[in-house]
Structure formats: structure tokens, C-alpha cells
Amino acid sequence: MPLPDVAELLGVSVTRVHQMLRDNQLLAVRRDGVAAVPDVFFADRAVVKPLPGLITVMRDAKYTDEEILEWMFTEDDTLPGTPVQALHGHLAREVVRRAAANPL
């Protein structure tokens, strides 16, 4: 989801989205030179609540943004799907706990 679309979804300015990226509330990837945020990071027109904490825990453990995204989108047989999908349900705390327990 391009940053202007994120801003529209959240009802904020694009500069606020850039601030959210700097504040570890979101992560973006570049596709064909355009910064975009995965749409799975949102629910009910808001950032999934545990996401900023997960990003902070993983950055504190010295993961790069690319490593964080790779980990979040890698299938995990012990979860139903991927860690990012589990953030939407009752396993969100478990996902953050696992990220904190497995530093680089």
C-alpha cells in the first residue's frame, strides 16, 4: 500500500505516515522505487495494535527492517500462518515474546 494510501486509510497526512515510520510504528518496503506498507499491518482503519511493539523489540535486537519483514512473513508451523497474521489474533503476545527471545 503506497504511503498516500496509508495516510488516507488512517485519516492522517503523508508526513504523519513518514513520522510513524521513523517512530517504529510501521515498516515500509520499496517496490519499483515506491515506498509501500504491507496492508496486513492494518485492521479497522488502524495499525494492528501489537505491531509497533514488535518492530521496536526486533530493532532493539539489531534486526534490519528487511530481516524483520522476512521473519514476519515467513510461515511458522507452530502458528496459524505467519507471525504477521498472528498479530491479528490471540497469539499476538506470543509473537512479540518469540521475537524478544530470539535476538540475532
PDB file of N, CA and C in Angstrom:
ATOM      1  N   MET A   1       0.857  -1.157   0.000  1.00  0.00           N
ATOM      2  CA  MET A   1       0.000   0.000   0.000  1.00  0.00           C
ATOM      3  C   MET A   1       0.916   1.237   0.000  1.00  0.00           C
ATOM      4  N   PRO A   2       0.859   2.064  -1.046  1.00  0.00           N
ATOM      5  CA  PRO A   2       1.686   3.274  -1.088  1.00  0.00           C
ATOM      6  C   PRO A   2       1.372   4.211   0.080  1.00  0.00           C
ATOM      7  N   LEU A   3       2.346   5.028   0.463  1.00  0.00           N
ATOM      8  CA  LEU A   3       2.197   5.892   1.634  1.00  0.00           C
ATOM      9  C   LEU A   3       0.997   6.833   1.551  1.00  0.00           C
ATOM     10  N   PRO A   4       0.677   7.422   0.381  1.00  0.00           N
ATOM     11  CA  PRO A   4      -0.530   8.251   0.334  1.00  0.00           C
ATOM     12  C   PRO A   4      -1.804   7.450   0.643  1.00  0.00           C
ATOM     13  N   ASP A   5      -1.842   6.188   0.233  1.00  0.00           N
ATOM     14  CA  ASP A   5      -2.999   5.341   0.537  1.00  0.00           C
ATOM     15  C   ASP A   5      -3.065   5.020   2.033  1.00  0.00           C
ATOM     16  N   VAL A   6      -1.896   4.823   2.645  1.00  0.00           N
ATOM     17  CA  VAL A   6      -1.846   4.588   4.097  1.00  0.00           C
ATOM     18  C   VAL A   6      -2.398   5.811   4.817  1.00  0.00           C
ATOM     19  N   ALA A   7      -1.965   6.996   4.385  1.00  0.00           N
ATOM     20  CA  ALA A   7      -2.435   8.239   5.002  1.00  0.00           C
ATOM     21  C   ALA A   7      -3.953   8.347   4.887  1.00  0.00           C
ATOM     22  N   GLU A   8      -4.478   8.036   3.716  1.00  0.00           N
ATOM     23  CA  GLU A   8      -5.930   8.103   3.526  1.00  0.00           C
ATOM     24  C   GLU A   8      -6.655   7.095   4.413  1.00  0.00           C
ATOM     25  N   LEU A   9      -6.139   5.878   4.472  1.00  0.00           N
ATOM     26  CA  LEU A   9      -6.747   4.838   5.306  1.00  0.00           C
ATOM     27  C   LEU A   9      -6.813   5.259   6.769  1.00  0.00           C
ATOM     28  N   LEU A  10      -5.709   5.838   7.258  1.00  0.00           N
ATOM     29  CA  LEU A  10      -5.611   6.214   8.666  1.00  0.00           C
ATOM     30  C   LEU A  10      -6.208   7.591   8.959  1.00  0.00           C
ATOM     31  N   GLY A  11      -6.507   8.347   7.904  1.00  0.00           N
ATOM     32  CA  GLY A  11      -7.057   9.682   8.101  1.00  0.00           C
ATOM     33  C   GLY A  11      -6.027  10.676   8.622  1.00  0.00           C
ATOM     34  N   VAL A  12      -4.780  10.516   8.159  1.00  0.00           N
ATOM     35  CA  VAL A  12      -3.697  11.406   8.573  1.00  0.00           C
ATOM     36  C   VAL A  12      -2.971  11.913   7.329  1.00  0.00           C
ATOM     37  N   SER A  13      -2.034  12.828   7.524  1.00  0.00           N
ATOM     38  CA  SER A  13      -1.247  13.339   6.408  1.00  0.00           C
ATOM     39  C   SER A  13      -0.124  12.359   6.053  1.00  0.00           C
ATOM     40  N   VAL A  14       0.404  12.495   4.855  1.00  0.00           N
ATOM     41  CA  VAL A  14       1.528  11.661   4.445  1.00  0.00           C
ATOM     42  C   VAL A  14       2.741  11.940   5.328  1.00  0.00           C
ATOM     43  N   THR A  15       2.913  13.188   5.757  1.00  0.00           N
ATOM     44  CA  THR A  15       4.036  13.481   6.656  1.00  0.00           C
ATOM     45  C   THR A  15       3.881  12.751   7.986  1.00  0.00           C
ATOM     46  N   ARG A  16       2.654  12.560   8.433  1.00  0.00           N
ATOM     47  CA  ARG A  16       2.419  11.791   9.671  1.00  0.00           C
ATOM     48  C   ARG A  16       2.791  10.325   9.447  1.00  0.00           C
ATOM     49  N   VAL A  17       2.521   9.793   8.274  1.00  0.00           N
ATOM     50  CA  VAL A  17       2.911   8.410   7.961  1.00  0.00           C
ATOM     51  C   VAL A  17       4.437   8.290   7.989  1.00  0.00           C
ATOM     52  N   HIS A  18       5.139   9.273   7.432  1.00  0.00           N
ATOM     53  CA  HIS A  18       6.606   9.269   7.491  1.00  0.00           C
ATOM     54  C   HIS A  18       7.079   9.286   8.943  1.00  0.00           C
ATOM     55  N   GLN A  19       6.422  10.067   9.789  1.00  0.00           N
ATOM     56  CA  GLN A  19       6.773  10.102  11.212  1.00  0.00           C
ATOM     57  C   GLN A  19       6.515   8.743  11.863  1.00  0.00           C
ATOM     58  N   MET A  20       5.431   8.089  11.490  1.00  0.00           N
ATOM     59  CA  MET A  20       5.125   6.761  12.029  1.00  0.00           C
ATOM     60  C   MET A  20       6.214   5.765  11.640  1.00  0.00           C
ATOM     61  N   LEU A  21       6.747   5.895  10.446  1.00  0.00           N
ATOM     62  CA  LEU A  21       7.844   5.029  10.014  1.00  0.00           C
ATOM     63  C   LEU A  21       9.085   5.305  10.866  1.00  0.00           C
ATOM     64  N   ARG A  22       9.391   6.574  11.108  1.00  0.00           N
ATOM     65  CA  ARG A  22      10.561   6.928  11.943  1.00  0.00           C
ATOM     66  C   ARG A  22      10.378   6.484  13.393  1.00  0.00           C
ATOM     67  N   ASP A  23       9.125   6.473  13.869  1.00  0.00           N
ATOM     68  CA  ASP A  23       8.834   6.136  15.268  1.00  0.00           C
ATOM     69  C   ASP A  23       8.615   4.646  15.508  1.00  0.00           C
ATOM     70  N   ASN A  24       8.957   3.809  14.539  1.00  0.00           N
ATOM     71  CA  ASN A  24       8.816   2.349  14.665  1.00  0.00           C
ATOM     72  C   ASN A  24       7.368   1.875  14.759  1.00  0.00           C
ATOM     73  N   GLN A  25       6.429   2.681  14.309  1.00  0.00           N
ATOM     74  CA  GLN A  25       5.036   2.244  14.326  1.00  0.00           C
ATOM     75  C   GLN A  25       4.679   1.466  13.077  1.00  0.00           C
ATOM     76  N   LEU A  26       5.445   1.654  12.016  1.00  0.00           N
ATOM     77  CA  LEU A  26       5.235   0.979  10.737  1.00  0.00           C
ATOM     78  C   LEU A  26       6.576   0.652  10.101  1.00  0.00           C
ATOM     79  N   LEU A  27       6.551  -0.256   9.133  1.00  0.00           N
ATOM     80  CA  LEU A  27       7.692  -0.543   8.277  1.00  0.00           C
ATOM     81  C   LEU A  27       7.234  -0.413   6.835  1.00  0.00           C
ATOM     82  N   ALA A  28       8.131   0.038   5.983  1.00  0.00           N
ATOM     83  CA  ALA A  28       7.814   0.144   4.563  1.00  0.00           C
ATOM     84  C   ALA A  28       8.883  -0.585   3.756  1.00  0.00           C
ATOM     85  N   VAL A  29       8.503  -1.018   2.590  1.00  0.00           N
ATOM     86  CA  VAL A  29       9.431  -1.625   1.639  1.00  0.00           C
ATOM     87  C   VAL A  29       9.367  -0.805   0.358  1.00  0.00           C
ATOM     88  N   ARG A  30      10.420  -0.864  -0.408  1.00  0.00           N
ATOM     89  CA  ARG A  30      10.439  -0.162  -1.696  1.00  0.00           C
ATOM     90  C   ARG A  30      10.154  -1.162  -2.802  1.00  0.00           C
ATOM     91  N   ARG A  31       9.175  -0.853  -3.620  1.00  0.00           N
ATOM     92  CA  ARG A  31       8.820  -1.650  -4.798  1.00  0.00           C
ATOM     93  C   ARG A  31       8.879  -0.713  -5.991  1.00  0.00           C
ATOM     94  N   ASP A  32       9.793  -0.991  -6.904  1.00  0.00           N
ATOM     95  CA  ASP A  32       9.973  -0.129  -8.075  1.00  0.00           C
ATOM     96  C   ASP A  32      10.196   1.323  -7.655  1.00  0.00           C
ATOM     97  N   GLY A  33      10.953   1.516  -6.582  1.00  0.00           N
ATOM     98  CA  GLY A  33      11.294   2.846  -6.110  1.00  0.00           C
ATOM     99  C   GLY A  33      10.228   3.544  -5.287  1.00  0.00           C
ATOM    100  N   VAL A  34       9.085   2.887  -5.075  1.00  0.00           N
ATOM    101  CA  VAL A  34       7.972   3.494  -4.332  1.00  0.00           C
ATOM    102  C   VAL A  34       7.872   2.833  -2.959  1.00  0.00           C
ATOM    103  N   ALA A  35       7.884   3.638  -1.900  1.00  0.00           N
ATOM    104  CA  ALA A  35       7.739   3.109  -0.543  1.00  0.00           C
ATOM    105  C   ALA A  35       6.297   2.665  -0.338  1.00  0.00           C
ATOM    106  N   ALA A  36       6.149   1.473   0.231  1.00  0.00           N
ATOM    107  CA  ALA A  36       4.812   0.924   0.481  1.00  0.00           C
ATOM    108  C   ALA A  36       4.812   0.156   1.793  1.00  0.00           C
ATOM    109  N   VAL A  37       3.654   0.110   2.414  1.00  0.00           N
ATOM    110  CA  VAL A  37       3.462  -0.583   3.682  1.00  0.00           C
ATOM    111  C   VAL A  37       2.540  -1.774   3.425  1.00  0.00           C
ATOM    112  N   PRO A  38       2.897  -2.966   3.917  1.00  0.00           N
ATOM    113  CA  PRO A  38       2.016  -4.124   3.719  1.00  0.00           C
ATOM    114  C   PRO A  38       0.626  -3.864   4.310  1.00  0.00           C
ATOM    115  N   ASP A  39      -0.408  -4.180   3.541  1.00  0.00           N
ATOM    116  CA  ASP A  39      -1.772  -3.905   4.012  1.00  0.00           C
ATOM    117  C   ASP A  39      -2.185  -4.782   5.178  1.00  0.00           C
ATOM    118  N   VAL A  40      -1.473  -5.865   5.417  1.00  0.00           N
ATOM    119  CA  VAL A  40      -1.784  -6.739   6.554  1.00  0.00           C
ATOM    120  C   VAL A  40      -1.424  -6.073   7.892  1.00  0.00           C
ATOM    121  N   PHE A  41      -0.735  -4.935   7.845  1.00  0.00           N
ATOM    122  CA  PHE A  41      -0.392  -4.194   9.055  1.00  0.00           C
ATOM    123  C   PHE A  41      -1.573  -3.413   9.614  1.00  0.00           C
ATOM    124  N   PHE A  42      -2.724  -3.459   8.931  1.00  0.00           N
ATOM    125  CA  PHE A  42      -3.879  -2.657   9.331  1.00  0.00           C
ATOM    126  C   PHE A  42      -5.107  -3.517   9.574  1.00  0.00           C
ATOM    127  N   ALA A  43      -5.946  -3.040  10.484  1.00  0.00           N
ATOM    128  CA  ALA A  43      -7.260  -3.644  10.738  1.00  0.00           C
ATOM    129  C   ALA A  43      -8.164  -2.524  11.226  1.00  0.00           C
ATOM    130  N   ASP A  44      -9.355  -2.490  10.733  1.00  0.00           N
ATOM    131  CA  ASP A  44     -10.337  -1.484  11.159  1.00  0.00           C
ATOM    132  C   ASP A  44      -9.793  -0.063  11.046  1.00  0.00           C
ATOM    133  N   ARG A  45      -9.133   0.233   9.919  1.00  0.00           N
ATOM    134  CA  ARG A  45      -8.626   1.569   9.618  1.00  0.00           C
ATOM    135  C   ARG A  45      -7.605   2.068  10.646  1.00  0.00           C
ATOM    136  N   ALA A  46      -6.853   1.134  11.238  1.00  0.00           N
ATOM    137  CA  ALA A  46      -5.824   1.476  12.221  1.00  0.00           C
ATOM    138  C   ALA A  46      -4.667   0.478  12.090  1.00  0.00           C
ATOM    139  N   VAL A  47      -3.516   0.858  12.638  1.00  0.00           N
ATOM    140  CA  VAL A  47      -2.372  -0.048  12.698  1.00  0.00           C
ATOM    141  C   VAL A  47      -2.709  -1.152  13.688  1.00  0.00           C
ATOM    142  N   VAL A  48      -2.402  -2.397  13.341  1.00  0.00           N
ATOM    143  CA  VAL A  48      -2.621  -3.513  14.259  1.00  0.00           C
ATOM    144  C   VAL A  48      -1.866  -3.198  15.550  1.00  0.00           C
ATOM    145  N   LYS A  49      -2.554  -3.234  16.652  1.00  0.00           N
ATOM    146  CA  LYS A  49      -2.030  -2.723  17.927  1.00  0.00           C
ATOM    147  C   LYS A  49      -0.652  -3.267  18.327  1.00  0.00           C
ATOM    148  N   PRO A  50      -0.375  -4.569  18.216  1.00  0.00           N
ATOM    149  CA  PRO A  50       0.936  -5.059  18.671  1.00  0.00           C
ATOM    150  C   PRO A  50       2.102  -4.767  17.719  1.00  0.00           C
ATOM    151  N   LEU A  51       1.821  -4.268  16.516  1.00  0.00           N
ATOM    152  CA  LEU A  51       2.877  -4.078  15.523  1.00  0.00           C
ATOM    153  C   LEU A  51       3.988  -3.135  15.975  1.00  0.00           C
ATOM    154  N   PRO A  52       3.700  -1.945  16.492  1.00  0.00           N
ATOM    155  CA  PRO A  52       4.801  -1.065  16.911  1.00  0.00           C
ATOM    156  C   PRO A  52       5.709  -1.698  17.973  1.00  0.00           C
ATOM    157  N   GLY A  53       5.132  -2.408  18.907  1.00  0.00           N
ATOM    158  CA  GLY A  53       5.935  -3.077  19.928  1.00  0.00           C
ATOM    159  C   GLY A  53       6.829  -4.153  19.334  1.00  0.00           C
ATOM    160  N   LEU A  54       6.296  -4.913  18.390  1.00  0.00           N
ATOM    161  CA  LEU A  54       7.083  -5.950  17.727  1.00  0.00           C
ATOM    162  C   LEU A  54       8.247  -5.324  16.958  1.00  0.00           C
ATOM    163  N   ILE A  55       7.984  -4.267  16.231  1.00  0.00           N
ATOM    164  CA  ILE A  55       9.048  -3.591  15.476  1.00  0.00           C
ATOM    165  C   ILE A  55      10.135  -3.096  16.428  1.00  0.00           C
ATOM    166  N   THR A  56       9.743  -2.480  17.525  1.00  0.00           N
ATOM    167  CA  THR A  56      10.708  -1.960  18.493  1.00  0.00           C
ATOM    168  C   THR A  56      11.547  -3.081  19.093  1.00  0.00           C
ATOM    169  N   VAL A  57      10.906  -4.173  19.489  1.00  0.00           N
ATOM    170  CA  VAL A  57      11.633  -5.314  20.070  1.00  0.00           C
ATOM    171  C   VAL A  57      12.657  -5.848  19.082  1.00  0.00           C
ATOM    172  N   MET A  58      12.259  -5.979  17.827  1.00  0.00           N
ATOM    173  CA  MET A  58      13.174  -6.544  16.836  1.00  0.00           C
ATOM    174  C   MET A  58      14.289  -5.565  16.461  1.00  0.00           C
ATOM    175  N   ARG A  59      13.985  -4.288  16.392  1.00  0.00           N
ATOM    176  CA  ARG A  59      15.049  -3.304  16.125  1.00  0.00           C
ATOM    177  C   ARG A  59      16.027  -3.246  17.295  1.00  0.00           C
ATOM    178  N   ASP A  60      15.514  -3.335  18.522  1.00  0.00           N
ATOM    179  CA  ASP A  60      16.393  -3.362  19.697  1.00  0.00           C
ATOM    180  C   ASP A  60      17.315  -4.575  19.672  1.00  0.00           C
ATOM    181  N   ALA A  61      16.854  -5.670  19.048  1.00  0.00           N
ATOM    182  CA  ALA A  61      17.659  -6.884  18.931  1.00  0.00           C
ATOM    183  C   ALA A  61      18.573  -6.830  17.698  1.00  0.00           C
ATOM    184  N   LYS A  62      18.629  -5.662  17.065  1.00  0.00           N
ATOM    185  CA  LYS A  62      19.531  -5.392  15.935  1.00  0.00           C
ATOM    186  C   LYS A  62      19.102  -6.023  14.616  1.00  0.00           C
ATOM    187  N   TYR A  63      17.821  -6.374  14.486  1.00  0.00           N
ATOM    188  CA  TYR A  63      17.312  -6.829  13.192  1.00  0.00           C
ATOM    189  C   TYR A  63      17.201  -5.623  12.260  1.00  0.00           C
ATOM    190  N   THR A  64      17.519  -5.826  10.994  1.00  0.00           N
ATOM    191  CA  THR A  64      17.288  -4.790   9.994  1.00  0.00           C
ATOM    192  C   THR A  64      15.804  -4.823   9.608  1.00  0.00           C
ATOM    193  N   ASP A  65      15.347  -3.779   8.953  1.00  0.00           N
ATOM    194  CA  ASP A  65      13.953  -3.763   8.504  1.00  0.00           C
ATOM    195  C   ASP A  65      13.665  -4.945   7.584  1.00  0.00           C
ATOM    196  N   GLU A  66      14.613  -5.269   6.711  1.00  0.00           N
ATOM    197  CA  GLU A  66      14.423  -6.396   5.796  1.00  0.00           C
ATOM    198  C   GLU A  66      14.304  -7.710   6.564  1.00  0.00           C
ATOM    199  N   GLU A  67      15.141  -7.895   7.595  1.00  0.00           N
ATOM    200  CA  GLU A  67      15.084  -9.116   8.404  1.00  0.00           C
ATOM    201  C   GLU A  67      13.770  -9.191   9.184  1.00  0.00           C
ATOM    202  N   ILE A  68      13.306  -8.048   9.682  1.00  0.00           N
ATOM    203  CA  ILE A  68      12.033  -8.021  10.414  1.00  0.00           C
ATOM    204  C   ILE A  68      10.904  -8.458   9.485  1.00  0.00           C
ATOM    205  N   LEU A  69      10.866  -7.869   8.304  1.00  0.00           N
ATOM    206  CA  LEU A  69       9.800  -8.211   7.352  1.00  0.00           C
ATOM    207  C   LEU A  69       9.881  -9.671   6.933  1.00  0.00           C
ATOM    208  N   GLU A  70      11.087 -10.154   6.703  1.00  0.00           N
ATOM    209  CA  GLU A  70      11.240 -11.568   6.322  1.00  0.00           C
ATOM    210  C   GLU A  70      10.718 -12.482   7.431  1.00  0.00           C
ATOM    211  N   TRP A  71      11.078 -12.200   8.672  1.00  0.00           N
ATOM    212  CA  TRP A  71      10.629 -13.010   9.799  1.00  0.00           C
ATOM    213  C   TRP A  71       9.105 -12.955   9.936  1.00  0.00           C
ATOM    214  N   MET A  72       8.555 -11.745   9.793  1.00  0.00           N
ATOM    215  CA  MET A  72       7.113 -11.582   9.968  1.00  0.00           C
ATOM    216  C   MET A  72       6.295 -12.306   8.910  1.00  0.00           C
ATOM    217  N   PHE A  73       6.853 -12.465   7.710  1.00  0.00           N
ATOM    218  CA  PHE A  73       6.103 -13.059   6.606  1.00  0.00           C
ATOM    219  C   PHE A  73       6.522 -14.497   6.291  1.00  0.00           C
ATOM    220  N   THR A  74       7.341 -15.110   7.150  1.00  0.00           N
ATOM    221  CA  THR A  74       7.757 -16.495   6.962  1.00  0.00           C
ATOM    222  C   THR A  74       6.776 -17.423   7.678  1.00  0.00           C
ATOM    223  N   GLU A  75       6.283 -18.410   6.951  1.00  0.00           N
ATOM    224  CA  GLU A  75       5.359 -19.387   7.541  1.00  0.00           C
ATOM    225  C   GLU A  75       5.977 -20.007   8.790  1.00  0.00           C
ATOM    226  N   ASP A  76       5.150 -20.212   9.802  1.00  0.00           N
ATOM    227  CA  ASP A  76       5.574 -20.824  11.061  1.00  0.00           C
ATOM    228  C   ASP A  76       4.565 -21.914  11.392  1.00  0.00           C
ATOM    229  N   ASP A  77       5.020 -23.154  11.406  1.00  0.00           N
ATOM    230  CA  ASP A  77       4.126 -24.289  11.643  1.00  0.00           C
ATOM    231  C   ASP A  77       3.502 -24.278  13.033  1.00  0.00           C
ATOM    232  N   THR A  78       4.114 -23.555  13.978  1.00  0.00           N
ATOM    233  CA  THR A  78       3.571 -23.515  15.333  1.00  0.00           C
ATOM    234  C   THR A  78       2.536 -22.411  15.498  1.00  0.00           C
ATOM    235  N   LEU A  79       2.378 -21.614  14.476  1.00  0.00           N
ATOM    236  CA  LEU A  79       1.345 -20.567  14.461  1.00  0.00           C
ATOM    237  C   LEU A  79       0.390 -20.883  13.313  1.00  0.00           C
ATOM    238  N   PRO A  80      -0.787 -20.343  13.363  1.00  0.00           N
ATOM    239  CA  PRO A  80      -1.639 -20.495  12.183  1.00  0.00           C
ATOM    240  C   PRO A  80      -1.214 -19.491  11.111  1.00  0.00           C
ATOM    241  N   GLY A  81      -0.253 -19.875  10.277  1.00  0.00           N
ATOM    242  CA  GLY A  81       0.214 -18.988   9.226  1.00  0.00           C
ATOM    243  C   GLY A  81       1.544 -18.358   9.542  1.00  0.00           C
ATOM    244  N   THR A  82       1.590 -17.035   9.436  1.00  0.00           N
ATOM    245  CA  THR A  82       2.824 -16.285   9.647  1.00  0.00           C
ATOM    246  C   THR A  82       2.707 -15.435  10.912  1.00  0.00           C
ATOM    247  N   PRO A  83       3.837 -14.979  11.451  1.00  0.00           N
ATOM    248  CA  PRO A  83       3.765 -14.096  12.618  1.00  0.00           C
ATOM    249  C   PRO A  83       2.905 -12.854  12.379  1.00  0.00           C
ATOM    250  N   VAL A  84       2.982 -12.258  11.204  1.00  0.00           N
ATOM    251  CA  VAL A  84       2.191 -11.056  10.950  1.00  0.00           C
ATOM    252  C   VAL A  84       0.695 -11.375  10.959  1.00  0.00           C
ATOM    253  N   GLN A  85       0.312 -12.544  10.495  1.00  0.00           N
ATOM    254  CA  GLN A  85      -1.102 -12.928  10.565  1.00  0.00           C
ATOM    255  C   GLN A  85      -1.527 -13.160  12.008  1.00  0.00           C
ATOM    256  N   ALA A  86      -0.621 -13.722  12.810  1.00  0.00           N
ATOM    257  CA  ALA A  86      -0.933 -13.992  14.211  1.00  0.00           C
ATOM    258  C   ALA A  86      -1.096 -12.711  15.023  1.00  0.00           C
ATOM    259  N   LEU A  87      -0.536 -11.596  14.546  1.00  0.00           N
ATOM    260  CA  LEU A  87      -0.709 -10.323  15.254  1.00  0.00           C
ATOM    261  C   LEU A  87      -2.167  -9.888  15.296  1.00  0.00           C
ATOM    262  N   HIS A  88      -2.975 -10.452  14.436  1.00  0.00           N
ATOM    263  CA  HIS A  88      -4.396 -10.084  14.361  1.00  0.00           C
ATOM    264  C   HIS A  88      -5.267 -10.890  15.334  1.00  0.00           C
ATOM    265  N   GLY A  89      -4.667 -11.799  16.067  1.00  0.00           N
ATOM    266  CA  GLY A  89      -5.471 -12.645  16.939  1.00  0.00           C
ATOM    267  C   GLY A  89      -4.906 -12.782  18.333  1.00  0.00           C
ATOM    268  N   HIS A  90      -5.334 -13.841  18.994  1.00  0.00           N
ATOM    269  CA  HIS A  90      -4.956 -14.062  20.391  1.00  0.00           C
ATOM    270  C   HIS A  90      -3.490 -14.461  20.576  1.00  0.00           C
ATOM    271  N   LEU A  91      -2.772 -14.730  19.490  1.00  0.00           N
ATOM    272  CA  LEU A  91      -1.366 -15.109  19.609  1.00  0.00           C
ATOM    273  C   LEU A  91      -0.402 -13.931  19.449  1.00  0.00           C
ATOM    274  N   ALA A  92      -0.918 -12.727  19.432  1.00  0.00           N
ATOM    275  CA  ALA A  92      -0.075 -11.549  19.223  1.00  0.00           C
ATOM    276  C   ALA A  92       1.020 -11.442  20.282  1.00  0.00           C
ATOM    277  N   ARG A  93       0.687 -11.635  21.527  1.00  0.00           N
ATOM    278  CA  ARG A  93       1.711 -11.544  22.596  1.00  0.00           C
ATOM    279  C   ARG A  93       2.768 -12.624  22.429  1.00  0.00           C
ATOM    280  N   GLU A  94       2.356 -13.793  21.982  1.00  0.00           N
ATOM    281  CA  GLU A  94       3.300 -14.884  21.743  1.00  0.00           C
ATOM    282  C   GLU A  94       4.278 -14.509  20.631  1.00  0.00           C
ATOM    283  N   VAL A  95       3.804 -13.858  19.608  1.00  0.00           N
ATOM    284  CA  VAL A  95       4.683 -13.426  18.509  1.00  0.00           C
ATOM    285  C   VAL A  95       5.722 -12.439  19.026  1.00  0.00           C
ATOM    286  N   VAL A  96       5.323 -11.465  19.807  1.00  0.00           N
ATOM    287  CA  VAL A  96       6.260 -10.483  20.358  1.00  0.00           C
ATOM    288  C   VAL A  96       7.224 -11.173  21.319  1.00  0.00           C
ATOM    289  N   ARG A  97       6.744 -12.104  22.113  1.00  0.00           N
ATOM    290  CA  ARG A  97       7.608 -12.837  23.037  1.00  0.00           C
ATOM    291  C   ARG A  97       8.677 -13.615  22.264  1.00  0.00           C
ATOM    292  N   ARG A  98       8.276 -14.286  21.200  1.00  0.00           N
ATOM    293  CA  ARG A  98       9.241 -15.048  20.396  1.00  0.00           C
ATOM    294  C   ARG A  98      10.289 -14.140  19.774  1.00  0.00           C
ATOM    295  N   ALA A  99       9.859 -12.990  19.310  1.00  0.00           N
ATOM    296  CA  ALA A  99      10.814 -12.041  18.713  1.00  0.00           C
ATOM    297  C   ALA A  99      11.819 -11.575  19.752  1.00  0.00           C
ATOM    298  N   ALA A 100      11.377 -11.333  20.968  1.00  0.00           N
ATOM    299  CA  ALA A 100      12.274 -10.889  22.029  1.00  0.00           C
ATOM    300  C   ALA A 100      13.194 -12.003  22.481  1.00  0.00           C
ATOM    301  N   ALA A 101      12.752 -13.241  22.426  1.00  0.00           N
ATOM    302  CA  ALA A 101      13.537 -14.384  22.907  1.00  0.00           C
ATOM    303  C   ALA A 101      14.583 -14.855  21.904  1.00  0.00           C
ATOM    304  N   ASN A 102      14.498 -14.396  20.666  1.00  0.00           N
ATOM    305  CA  ASN A 102      15.411 -14.880  19.627  1.00  0.00           C
ATOM    306  C   ASN A 102      16.192 -13.753  18.970  1.00  0.00           C
ATOM    307  N   PRO A 103      17.023 -13.037  19.741  1.00  0.00           N
ATOM    308  CA  PRO A 103      17.806 -11.967  19.124  1.00  0.00           C
ATOM    309  C   PRO A 103      18.850 -12.527  18.172  1.00  0.00           C
ATOM    310  N   LEU A 104      19.324 -11.672  17.278  1.00  0.00           N
ATOM    311  CA  LEU A 104      20.372 -12.087  16.330  1.00  0.00           C
ATOM    312  C   LEU A 104      21.641 -12.464  17.047  1.00  0.00           C
TER     313      LEU A 104
END
